[in-house]
Amino acid sequence: MVDLDINQEGNALNVTFSYETDAAAGQNMVTIVTDQILRQILDQAPHQPTEYYIEGNMIKRPT
């Protein structure tokens, strides 16, 4: 992981994890690592979310 960006919108929290995967496309390894990070955060969080998504397509690309 090379960066972490947090944005709150109302009662929703969007967390964007950025990774460097060298030559690999990395989709599977990124999903697995992000899941493990989120589980560690949730284990220690004082409040639990009602739901969360690992892949939310939150990236806005220029057209």
N, C-alpha and C. Protein backbone atom coordinates (compact mmCIF):
# COMPACT_ATOMS: atom_id res chain seq x y z
N MET A 1 0.85 -1.16 0.00
CA MET A 1 0.00 0.00 0.00
C MET A 1 0.90 1.23 0.00
N VAL A 2 0.58 2.18 -0.87
CA VAL A 2 1.40 3.38 -0.96
C VAL A 2 0.65 4.63 -0.51
N ASP A 3 -0.68 4.55 -0.41
CA ASP A 3 -1.45 5.73 0.00
C ASP A 3 -2.82 5.30 0.51
N LEU A 4 -3.41 6.18 1.31
CA LEU A 4 -4.73 5.96 1.88
C LEU A 4 -5.45 7.29 1.87
N ASP A 5 -6.64 7.32 1.30
CA ASP A 5 -7.42 8.56 1.23
C ASP A 5 -8.79 8.31 1.85
N ILE A 6 -9.22 9.19 2.76
CA ILE A 6 -10.49 9.02 3.46
C ILE A 6 -11.39 10.20 3.15
N ASN A 7 -12.62 9.93 2.71
CA ASN A 7 -13.61 10.97 2.44
C ASN A 7 -14.92 10.59 3.12
N GLN A 8 -15.48 11.53 3.87
CA GLN A 8 -16.77 11.31 4.52
C GLN A 8 -17.84 12.07 3.75
N GLU A 9 -18.92 11.37 3.42
CA GLU A 9 -20.05 11.96 2.73
C GLU A 9 -21.30 11.60 3.52
N GLY A 10 -21.81 12.55 4.30
CA GLY A 10 -22.95 12.26 5.18
C GLY A 10 -22.52 11.26 6.23
N ASN A 11 -23.27 10.16 6.34
CA ASN A 11 -22.88 9.13 7.30
C ASN A 11 -22.11 7.99 6.63
N ALA A 12 -21.67 8.21 5.38
CA ALA A 12 -20.86 7.22 4.66
C ALA A 12 -19.39 7.62 4.70
N LEU A 13 -18.53 6.63 4.75
CA LEU A 13 -17.09 6.85 4.77
C LEU A 13 -16.50 6.09 3.59
N ASN A 14 -15.82 6.80 2.70
CA ASN A 14 -15.15 6.16 1.56
C ASN A 14 -13.66 6.17 1.82
N VAL A 15 -13.07 4.99 1.83
CA VAL A 15 -11.63 4.85 2.05
C VAL A 15 -11.03 4.28 0.77
N THR A 16 -10.08 5.01 0.19
CA THR A 16 -9.42 4.56 -1.03
C THR A 16 -8.00 4.14 -0.68
N PHE A 17 -7.68 2.88 -0.95
CA PHE A 17 -6.35 2.34 -0.73
C PHE A 17 -5.63 2.33 -2.08
N SER A 18 -4.40 2.83 -2.13
CA SER A 18 -3.62 2.82 -3.36
C SER A 18 -2.43 1.88 -3.18
N TYR A 19 -2.18 1.08 -4.20
CA TYR A 19 -1.12 0.07 -4.15
C TYR A 19 -0.19 0.18 -5.34
N GLU A 20 1.02 -0.32 -5.17
CA GLU A 20 1.97 -0.48 -6.27
C GLU A 20 2.19 -1.97 -6.43
N THR A 21 1.89 -2.49 -7.62
CA THR A 21 1.97 -3.94 -7.84
C THR A 21 3.05 -4.33 -8.85
N ASP A 22 3.94 -3.40 -9.16
CA ASP A 22 5.00 -3.63 -10.15
C ASP A 22 4.40 -4.07 -11.48
N ALA A 23 4.88 -5.16 -12.05
CA ALA A 23 4.44 -5.58 -13.37
C ALA A 23 3.12 -6.35 -13.33
N ALA A 24 2.71 -6.82 -12.17
CA ALA A 24 1.46 -7.60 -12.08
C ALA A 24 0.25 -6.67 -12.16
N ALA A 25 -0.85 -7.18 -12.72
CA ALA A 25 -2.09 -6.42 -12.75
C ALA A 25 -2.58 -6.22 -11.33
N GLY A 26 -2.53 -7.27 -10.50
CA GLY A 26 -2.72 -7.15 -9.07
C GLY A 26 -4.13 -7.14 -8.54
N GLN A 27 -5.15 -7.38 -9.36
CA GLN A 27 -6.52 -7.29 -8.86
C GLN A 27 -6.76 -8.23 -7.68
N ASN A 28 -6.35 -9.47 -7.79
CA ASN A 28 -6.61 -10.43 -6.71
C ASN A 28 -5.82 -10.10 -5.46
N MET A 29 -4.55 -9.78 -5.60
CA MET A 29 -3.74 -9.48 -4.40
C MET A 29 -4.23 -8.21 -3.72
N VAL A 30 -4.67 -7.22 -4.47
CA VAL A 30 -5.18 -5.99 -3.88
C VAL A 30 -6.47 -6.25 -3.12
N THR A 31 -7.36 -7.05 -3.69
CA THR A 31 -8.61 -7.37 -3.00
C THR A 31 -8.35 -8.13 -1.71
N ILE A 32 -7.45 -9.10 -1.73
CA ILE A 32 -7.15 -9.91 -0.55
C ILE A 32 -6.51 -9.04 0.55
N VAL A 33 -5.54 -8.22 0.18
CA VAL A 33 -4.87 -7.37 1.16
C VAL A 33 -5.83 -6.34 1.74
N THR A 34 -6.66 -5.73 0.90
CA THR A 34 -7.62 -4.74 1.39
C THR A 34 -8.61 -5.38 2.35
N ASP A 35 -9.05 -6.59 2.06
CA ASP A 35 -9.95 -7.30 2.96
C ASP A 35 -9.29 -7.51 4.32
N GLN A 36 -8.03 -7.90 4.33
CA GLN A 36 -7.33 -8.12 5.60
C GLN A 36 -7.15 -6.82 6.38
N ILE A 37 -6.83 -5.74 5.69
CA ILE A 37 -6.70 -4.43 6.36
C ILE A 37 -8.04 -4.03 6.97
N LEU A 38 -9.11 -4.16 6.21
CA LEU A 38 -10.43 -3.78 6.72
C LEU A 38 -10.84 -4.62 7.92
N ARG A 39 -10.54 -5.91 7.90
CA ARG A 39 -10.87 -6.76 9.04
C ARG A 39 -10.12 -6.33 10.30
N GLN A 40 -8.85 -5.94 10.15
CA GLN A 40 -8.08 -5.46 11.30
C GLN A 40 -8.66 -4.15 11.83
N ILE A 41 -9.05 -3.26 10.93
CA ILE A 41 -9.65 -1.99 11.36
C ILE A 41 -10.96 -2.26 12.08
N LEU A 42 -11.81 -3.12 11.52
CA LEU A 42 -13.12 -3.40 12.13
C LEU A 42 -12.99 -4.10 13.48
N ASP A 43 -11.96 -4.92 13.64
CA ASP A 43 -11.74 -5.59 14.93
C ASP A 43 -11.48 -4.57 16.05
N GLN A 44 -10.93 -3.42 15.70
CA GLN A 44 -10.57 -2.42 16.71
C GLN A 44 -11.50 -1.21 16.71
N ALA A 45 -12.45 -1.15 15.78
CA ALA A 45 -13.32 0.03 15.66
C ALA A 45 -14.36 0.07 16.78
N PRO A 46 -14.60 1.25 17.36
CA PRO A 46 -15.60 1.37 18.42
C PRO A 46 -17.03 1.24 17.89
N HIS A 47 -17.23 1.53 16.62
CA HIS A 47 -18.54 1.41 15.98
C HIS A 47 -18.41 0.55 14.74
N GLN A 48 -19.36 -0.34 14.52
CA GLN A 48 -19.31 -1.23 13.37
C GLN A 48 -20.23 -0.71 12.26
N PRO A 49 -19.78 -0.78 11.02
CA PRO A 49 -20.64 -0.36 9.91
C PRO A 49 -21.77 -1.36 9.71
N THR A 50 -22.87 -0.88 9.14
CA THR A 50 -23.97 -1.80 8.81
C THR A 50 -23.61 -2.62 7.58
N GLU A 51 -22.78 -2.07 6.70
CA GLU A 51 -22.29 -2.80 5.53
C GLU A 51 -21.05 -2.10 5.00
N TYR A 52 -20.22 -2.87 4.27
CA TYR A 52 -19.07 -2.27 3.61
C TYR A 52 -18.77 -3.04 2.33
N TYR A 53 -18.11 -2.36 1.41
CA TYR A 53 -17.77 -2.93 0.10
C TYR A 53 -16.28 -2.78 -0.12
N ILE A 54 -15.66 -3.81 -0.63
CA ILE A 54 -14.23 -3.73 -0.93
C ILE A 54 -14.01 -3.06 -2.28
N GLU A 55 -14.84 -3.35 -3.26
CA GLU A 55 -14.68 -2.76 -4.58
C GLU A 55 -15.92 -1.95 -4.90
N GLY A 56 -15.78 -0.64 -4.92
CA GLY A 56 -16.94 0.20 -5.13
C GLY A 56 -16.89 1.05 -6.39
N ASN A 57 -15.86 0.90 -7.22
CA ASN A 57 -15.72 1.70 -8.44
C ASN A 57 -15.86 3.18 -8.16
N MET A 58 -15.16 3.66 -7.15
CA MET A 58 -15.26 5.07 -6.77
C MET A 58 -14.32 5.96 -7.57
N ILE A 59 -13.46 5.36 -8.41
CA ILE A 59 -12.51 6.14 -9.19
C ILE A 59 -13.25 6.88 -10.30
N LYS A 60 -13.04 8.17 -10.37
CA LYS A 60 -13.64 8.96 -11.44
C LYS A 60 -12.56 9.20 -12.49
N ARG A 61 -12.79 8.68 -13.68
CA ARG A 61 -11.81 8.82 -14.76
C ARG A 61 -12.27 9.91 -15.73
N PRO A 62 -11.32 10.69 -16.25
CA PRO A 62 -11.71 11.71 -17.22
C PRO A 62 -12.23 11.09 -18.51
N THR A 63 -13.18 11.75 -19.11
CA THR A 63 -13.73 11.23 -20.38
C THR A 63 -13.16 11.95 -21.56
